[in-house]
Amino acid sequence: VQLQASGGGLVQAGGSLRLSCPASGPILSSYAMGWFRQAPGKEREFVAAITWRNGRTYYTDSVKGRFRISRDSTENTVYLQMNSLKPEDTGVYYCAANRLGSSRDVPSAYEYWGQGTQVTVSS
């Protein structure tokens, strides 16, 4: 499975961005798809995940109510709609695929990763 994240950019605080991550290769129903981010000097952290089978979603507390993860199974694509962006949301955002769909907030549980897309939120 190859993943290709896009949609990052520079936005003012309070603005919105939509990240996309199309997957080439089969996404089986057991998969979970996740978004992670990494700020300079910090470890990669979990942002959101969605199960491919039923679309159940999971979020880290700091983005609840502002971000929404979704998937389009016909397009084999996962999205991250980010609203009310804050400067602390700045970082490189990565999409990833987790074949077993477990430990959805743990980076090491994901076998496939896309290249990152930079999100910068100015104050």
N, C-alpha and C. Protein backbone atom coordinates (compact mmCIF):
# COMPACT_ATOMS: atom_id res chain seq x y z
N VAL A 1 0.84 -1.19 0.00
CA VAL A 1 0.00 0.00 0.00
C VAL A 1 0.88 1.24 0.00
N GLN A 2 0.62 2.12 -0.93
CA GLN A 2 1.35 3.39 -0.98
C GLN A 2 0.39 4.52 -0.68
N LEU A 3 0.86 5.44 0.13
CA LEU A 3 0.02 6.56 0.56
C LEU A 3 0.67 7.86 0.14
N GLN A 4 -0.16 8.83 -0.18
CA GLN A 4 0.35 10.11 -0.69
C GLN A 4 -0.47 11.24 -0.04
N ALA A 5 0.06 11.82 1.01
CA ALA A 5 -0.65 12.91 1.69
C ALA A 5 -0.45 14.23 0.97
N SER A 6 -1.48 15.05 0.98
CA SER A 6 -1.40 16.37 0.37
C SER A 6 -2.41 17.29 1.04
N GLY A 7 -2.31 18.57 0.72
CA GLY A 7 -3.29 19.53 1.22
C GLY A 7 -2.78 20.47 2.29
N GLY A 8 -1.53 20.29 2.72
CA GLY A 8 -0.99 21.18 3.72
C GLY A 8 -0.74 22.57 3.17
N GLY A 9 -0.36 23.49 4.05
CA GLY A 9 -0.08 24.85 3.62
C GLY A 9 0.06 25.77 4.81
N LEU A 10 0.09 27.06 4.50
CA LEU A 10 0.20 28.10 5.51
C LEU A 10 -1.17 28.74 5.69
N VAL A 11 -1.62 28.82 6.93
CA VAL A 11 -2.94 29.38 7.20
C VAL A 11 -2.88 30.17 8.50
N GLN A 12 -3.72 31.18 8.60
CA GLN A 12 -3.79 31.94 9.84
C GLN A 12 -4.59 31.19 10.89
N ALA A 13 -4.32 31.50 12.13
CA ALA A 13 -5.07 30.90 13.22
C ALA A 13 -6.56 31.14 13.01
N GLY A 14 -7.33 30.10 13.26
CA GLY A 14 -8.77 30.17 13.02
C GLY A 14 -9.18 29.66 11.66
N GLY A 15 -8.22 29.47 10.79
CA GLY A 15 -8.50 29.02 9.43
C GLY A 15 -8.70 27.52 9.34
N SER A 16 -8.86 27.04 8.10
CA SER A 16 -9.14 25.63 7.85
C SER A 16 -8.25 25.09 6.74
N LEU A 17 -8.00 23.82 6.82
CA LEU A 17 -7.32 23.08 5.76
C LEU A 17 -7.94 21.69 5.67
N ARG A 18 -7.86 21.11 4.49
CA ARG A 18 -8.32 19.74 4.31
C ARG A 18 -7.18 18.92 3.72
N LEU A 19 -6.77 17.91 4.45
CA LEU A 19 -5.72 17.01 3.99
C LEU A 19 -6.36 15.80 3.32
N SER A 20 -5.69 15.31 2.30
CA SER A 20 -6.15 14.13 1.58
C SER A 20 -5.04 13.10 1.55
N CYS A 21 -5.43 11.84 1.51
CA CYS A 21 -4.45 10.76 1.45
C CYS A 21 -5.03 9.61 0.64
N PRO A 22 -4.82 9.63 -0.67
CA PRO A 22 -5.24 8.49 -1.48
C PRO A 22 -4.28 7.33 -1.31
N ALA A 23 -4.83 6.13 -1.33
CA ALA A 23 -4.03 4.92 -1.19
C ALA A 23 -4.04 4.14 -2.49
N SER A 24 -2.87 3.71 -2.90
CA SER A 24 -2.78 2.79 -4.04
C SER A 24 -2.56 1.40 -3.47
N GLY A 25 -3.35 0.46 -3.92
CA GLY A 25 -3.30 -0.86 -3.33
C GLY A 25 -4.54 -1.09 -2.49
N PRO A 26 -4.84 -2.34 -2.20
CA PRO A 26 -6.09 -2.66 -1.50
C PRO A 26 -6.07 -2.23 -0.04
N ILE A 27 -7.15 -1.60 0.37
CA ILE A 27 -7.38 -1.31 1.78
C ILE A 27 -8.44 -2.30 2.25
N LEU A 28 -8.04 -3.27 3.04
CA LEU A 28 -8.96 -4.30 3.49
C LEU A 28 -9.82 -3.80 4.63
N SER A 29 -10.90 -4.50 4.86
CA SER A 29 -11.86 -4.04 5.87
C SER A 29 -11.28 -4.06 7.28
N SER A 30 -10.21 -4.79 7.49
CA SER A 30 -9.60 -4.84 8.82
C SER A 30 -8.75 -3.62 9.13
N TYR A 31 -8.45 -2.84 8.13
CA TYR A 31 -7.53 -1.72 8.29
C TYR A 31 -8.13 -0.60 9.13
N ALA A 32 -7.22 0.13 9.76
CA ALA A 32 -7.52 1.46 10.28
C ALA A 32 -6.56 2.43 9.58
N MET A 33 -7.05 3.60 9.30
CA MET A 33 -6.23 4.65 8.69
C MET A 33 -6.07 5.77 9.70
N GLY A 34 -4.86 6.28 9.79
CA GLY A 34 -4.62 7.30 10.80
C GLY A 34 -3.88 8.51 10.26
N TRP A 35 -4.02 9.59 10.99
CA TRP A 35 -3.23 10.79 10.76
C TRP A 35 -2.39 11.06 12.01
N PHE A 36 -1.14 11.36 11.77
CA PHE A 36 -0.21 11.71 12.83
C PHE A 36 0.45 13.04 12.46
N ARG A 37 1.05 13.68 13.44
CA ARG A 37 1.78 14.92 13.14
C ARG A 37 3.05 14.97 13.98
N GLN A 38 4.00 15.73 13.45
CA GLN A 38 5.27 15.87 14.15
C GLN A 38 5.73 17.32 14.05
N ALA A 39 5.88 17.94 15.20
CA ALA A 39 6.39 19.30 15.27
C ALA A 39 7.90 19.25 15.42
N PRO A 40 8.61 20.30 15.05
CA PRO A 40 10.07 20.30 15.18
C PRO A 40 10.51 20.01 16.61
N GLY A 41 11.43 19.07 16.74
CA GLY A 41 11.96 18.73 18.05
C GLY A 41 11.06 17.87 18.91
N LYS A 42 9.93 17.45 18.36
CA LYS A 42 8.98 16.64 19.14
C LYS A 42 8.78 15.30 18.47
N GLU A 43 8.24 14.37 19.25
CA GLU A 43 7.94 13.06 18.71
C GLU A 43 6.66 13.10 17.87
N ARG A 44 6.55 12.13 16.99
CA ARG A 44 5.34 12.01 16.19
C ARG A 44 4.17 11.66 17.11
N GLU A 45 3.05 12.36 16.93
CA GLU A 45 1.91 12.13 17.80
C GLU A 45 0.65 11.81 17.01
N PHE A 46 -0.20 11.05 17.64
CA PHE A 46 -1.47 10.65 17.05
C PHE A 46 -2.41 11.84 16.97
N VAL A 47 -3.12 11.93 15.84
CA VAL A 47 -4.13 12.98 15.67
C VAL A 47 -5.53 12.37 15.57
N ALA A 48 -5.70 11.45 14.64
CA ALA A 48 -7.03 10.87 14.42
C ALA A 48 -6.88 9.55 13.68
N ALA A 49 -7.90 8.70 13.81
CA ALA A 49 -7.92 7.43 13.09
C ALA A 49 -9.36 7.07 12.75
N ILE A 50 -9.49 6.23 11.73
CA ILE A 50 -10.81 5.77 11.30
C ILE A 50 -10.70 4.32 10.88
N THR A 51 -11.69 3.51 11.28
CA THR A 51 -11.70 2.12 10.85
C THR A 51 -12.33 2.04 9.46
N TRP A 52 -11.71 1.24 8.62
CA TRP A 52 -12.17 1.18 7.23
C TRP A 52 -13.52 0.50 7.11
N ARG A 53 -13.76 -0.51 7.98
CA ARG A 53 -14.99 -1.30 7.85
C ARG A 53 -16.23 -0.49 8.15
N ASN A 54 -16.22 0.21 9.27
CA ASN A 54 -17.47 0.88 9.67
C ASN A 54 -17.31 2.38 9.90
N GLY A 55 -16.13 2.91 9.65
CA GLY A 55 -15.96 4.36 9.75
C GLY A 55 -15.96 4.91 11.15
N ARG A 56 -15.67 4.06 12.14
CA ARG A 56 -15.60 4.57 13.50
C ARG A 56 -14.37 5.45 13.64
N THR A 57 -14.52 6.56 14.34
CA THR A 57 -13.45 7.54 14.42
C THR A 57 -12.89 7.70 15.82
N TYR A 58 -11.65 8.12 15.88
CA TYR A 58 -10.93 8.30 17.13
C TYR A 58 -10.10 9.58 16.98
N TYR A 59 -10.02 10.36 18.07
CA TYR A 59 -9.28 11.62 18.03
C TYR A 59 -8.47 11.81 19.30
N THR A 60 -7.36 12.49 19.16
CA THR A 60 -6.68 12.94 20.35
C THR A 60 -7.48 14.12 20.93
N ASP A 61 -7.38 14.30 22.22
CA ASP A 61 -8.24 15.28 22.90
C ASP A 61 -8.08 16.70 22.34
N SER A 62 -6.87 17.06 21.96
CA SER A 62 -6.62 18.44 21.58
C SER A 62 -7.28 18.85 20.26
N VAL A 63 -7.76 17.87 19.48
CA VAL A 63 -8.38 18.21 18.19
C VAL A 63 -9.87 17.90 18.15
N LYS A 64 -10.39 17.31 19.21
CA LYS A 64 -11.81 16.96 19.24
C LYS A 64 -12.67 18.21 19.08
N GLY A 65 -13.65 18.11 18.21
CA GLY A 65 -14.53 19.24 17.95
C GLY A 65 -14.00 20.18 16.89
N ARG A 66 -12.74 20.04 16.50
CA ARG A 66 -12.15 20.91 15.47
C ARG A 66 -11.78 20.14 14.21
N PHE A 67 -11.31 18.92 14.35
CA PHE A 67 -10.88 18.11 13.22
C PHE A 67 -11.90 17.00 12.97
N ARG A 68 -11.98 16.59 11.72
CA ARG A 68 -12.85 15.47 11.38
C ARG A 68 -12.15 14.58 10.36
N ILE A 69 -12.02 13.31 10.70
CA ILE A 69 -11.44 12.34 9.78
C ILE A 69 -12.57 11.62 9.07
N SER A 70 -12.38 11.35 7.81
CA SER A 70 -13.40 10.63 7.03
C SER A 70 -12.70 9.79 5.98
N ARG A 71 -13.46 8.90 5.38
CA ARG A 71 -12.90 8.06 4.33
C ARG A 71 -13.89 7.93 3.20
N ASP A 72 -13.36 7.73 2.01
CA ASP A 72 -14.17 7.43 0.83
C ASP A 72 -13.67 6.10 0.30
N SER A 73 -14.42 5.06 0.57
CA SER A 73 -13.96 3.73 0.20
C SER A 73 -13.94 3.52 -1.32
N THR A 74 -14.78 4.26 -2.04
CA THR A 74 -14.77 4.11 -3.50
C THR A 74 -13.53 4.74 -4.12
N GLU A 75 -13.02 5.78 -3.46
CA GLU A 75 -11.82 6.47 -3.93
C GLU A 75 -10.56 5.99 -3.20
N ASN A 76 -10.73 5.11 -2.22
CA ASN A 76 -9.59 4.63 -1.43
C ASN A 76 -8.81 5.78 -0.81
N THR A 77 -9.53 6.73 -0.27
CA THR A 77 -8.92 7.96 0.22
C THR A 77 -9.41 8.27 1.62
N VAL A 78 -8.49 8.76 2.44
CA VAL A 78 -8.84 9.23 3.78
C VAL A 78 -8.57 10.73 3.83
N TYR A 79 -9.42 11.44 4.54
CA TYR A 79 -9.34 12.90 4.63
C TYR A 79 -9.21 13.33 6.08
N LEU A 80 -8.65 14.52 6.26
CA LEU A 80 -8.64 15.15 7.57
C LEU A 80 -9.05 16.61 7.37
N GLN A 81 -10.27 16.93 7.78
CA GLN A 81 -10.75 18.30 7.74
C GLN A 81 -10.34 18.97 9.05
N MET A 82 -9.59 20.06 8.93
CA MET A 82 -9.07 20.74 10.11
C MET A 82 -9.65 22.15 10.16
N ASN A 83 -10.42 22.43 11.17
CA ASN A 83 -11.04 23.74 11.36
C ASN A 83 -10.52 24.40 12.63
N SER A 84 -10.73 25.69 12.74
CA SER A 84 -10.31 26.45 13.93
C SER A 84 -8.86 26.14 14.28
N LEU A 85 -8.02 26.19 13.28
CA LEU A 85 -6.62 25.83 13.49
C LEU A 85 -5.92 26.78 14.45
N LYS A 86 -5.00 26.20 15.20
CA LYS A 86 -4.22 26.94 16.19
C LYS A 86 -2.74 26.82 15.86
N PRO A 87 -1.93 27.76 16.31
CA PRO A 87 -0.48 27.65 16.06
C PRO A 87 0.10 26.33 16.55
N GLU A 88 -0.42 25.78 17.62
CA GLU A 88 0.10 24.51 18.13
C GLU A 88 -0.26 23.32 17.25
N ASP A 89 -1.08 23.52 16.23
CA ASP A 89 -1.35 22.46 15.26
C ASP A 89 -0.27 22.37 14.19
N THR A 90 0.66 23.28 14.21
CA THR A 90 1.74 23.31 13.22
C THR A 90 2.59 22.05 13.30
N GLY A 91 2.92 21.51 12.13
CA GLY A 91 3.77 20.34 12.07
C GLY A 91 3.67 19.67 10.72
N VAL A 92 4.40 18.60 10.57
CA VAL A 92 4.29 17.77 9.38
C VAL A 92 3.25 16.69 9.68
N TYR A 93 2.27 16.61 8.81
CA TYR A 93 1.18 15.65 8.98
C TYR A 93 1.39 14.45 8.08
N TYR A 94 1.26 13.27 8.67
CA TYR A 94 1.45 12.01 7.96
C TYR A 94 0.17 11.18 8.01
N CYS A 95 -0.12 10.52 6.90
CA CYS A 95 -1.17 9.51 6.94
C CYS A 95 -0.52 8.14 6.98
N ALA A 96 -1.24 7.19 7.55
CA ALA A 96 -0.68 5.86 7.75
C ALA A 96 -1.78 4.82 7.73
N ALA A 97 -1.40 3.58 7.43
CA ALA A 97 -2.33 2.47 7.38
C ALA A 97 -1.91 1.38 8.35
N ASN A 98 -2.89 0.87 9.07
CA ASN A 98 -2.70 -0.12 10.14
C ASN A 98 -3.50 -1.36 9.75
N ARG A 99 -2.81 -2.43 9.38
CA ARG A 99 -3.49 -3.60 8.81
C ARG A 99 -4.44 -4.27 9.79
N LEU A 100 -4.09 -4.32 11.06
CA LEU A 100 -4.94 -5.01 12.03
C LEU A 100 -5.99 -4.10 12.64
N GLY A 101 -5.81 -2.80 12.48
CA GLY A 101 -6.79 -1.87 13.02
C GLY A 101 -6.78 -1.75 14.53
N SER A 102 -5.72 -2.20 15.16
CA SER A 102 -5.63 -2.11 16.62
C SER A 102 -4.56 -1.11 17.02
N SER A 103 -4.55 -0.76 18.33
CA SER A 103 -3.58 0.22 18.83
C SER A 103 -3.52 1.44 17.91
N ARG A 104 -4.66 1.99 17.66
CA ARG A 104 -4.81 3.00 16.61
C ARG A 104 -4.06 4.30 16.90
N ASP A 105 -3.69 4.54 18.14
CA ASP A 105 -2.99 5.78 18.48
C ASP A 105 -1.48 5.56 18.62
N VAL A 106 -0.99 4.40 18.25
CA VAL A 106 0.42 4.07 18.41
C VAL A 106 1.10 4.04 17.04
N PRO A 107 2.07 4.90 16.81
CA PRO A 107 2.71 4.94 15.49
C PRO A 107 3.29 3.59 15.05
N SER A 108 3.87 2.85 15.97
CA SER A 108 4.51 1.58 15.60
C SER A 108 3.51 0.52 15.16
N ALA A 109 2.22 0.74 15.39
CA ALA A 109 1.20 -0.22 14.95
C ALA A 109 0.85 -0.06 13.48
N TYR A 110 1.37 1.00 12.85
CA TYR A 110 1.07 1.30 11.45
C TYR A 110 2.20 0.81 10.55
N GLU A 111 1.84 0.02 9.55
CA GLU A 111 2.86 -0.58 8.68
C GLU A 111 3.19 0.29 7.46
N TYR A 112 2.27 1.12 7.06
CA TYR A 112 2.48 1.90 5.85
C TYR A 112 2.34 3.38 6.16
N TRP A 113 3.24 4.16 5.61
CA TRP A 113 3.26 5.60 5.85
C TRP A 113 3.42 6.34 4.54
N GLY A 114 2.74 7.47 4.45
CA GLY A 114 2.96 8.37 3.34
C GLY A 114 4.01 9.39 3.70
N GLN A 115 4.43 10.14 2.70
CA GLN A 115 5.32 11.25 3.00
C GLN A 115 4.49 12.34 3.67
N GLY A 116 5.08 13.17 4.43
CA GLY A 116 4.33 14.17 5.17
C GLY A 116 3.96 15.38 4.34
N THR A 117 3.00 16.11 4.85
CA THR A 117 2.62 17.39 4.26
C THR A 117 2.67 18.44 5.37
N GLN A 118 3.32 19.56 5.07
CA GLN A 118 3.56 20.58 6.09
C GLN A 118 2.31 21.42 6.32
N VAL A 119 1.96 21.57 7.59
CA VAL A 119 0.89 22.48 8.00
C VAL A 119 1.50 23.54 8.91
N THR A 120 1.34 24.79 8.54
CA THR A 120 1.86 25.88 9.36
C THR A 120 0.72 26.84 9.67
N VAL A 121 0.51 27.07 10.96
CA VAL A 121 -0.56 27.96 11.40
C VAL A 121 0.08 29.17 12.06
N SER A 122 -0.15 30.33 11.48
CA SER A 122 0.43 31.56 12.02
C SER A 122 -0.54 32.23 12.99
N SER A 123 0.05 32.88 13.98
CA SER A 123 -0.78 33.53 15.01
C SER A 123 -1.15 34.95 14.61
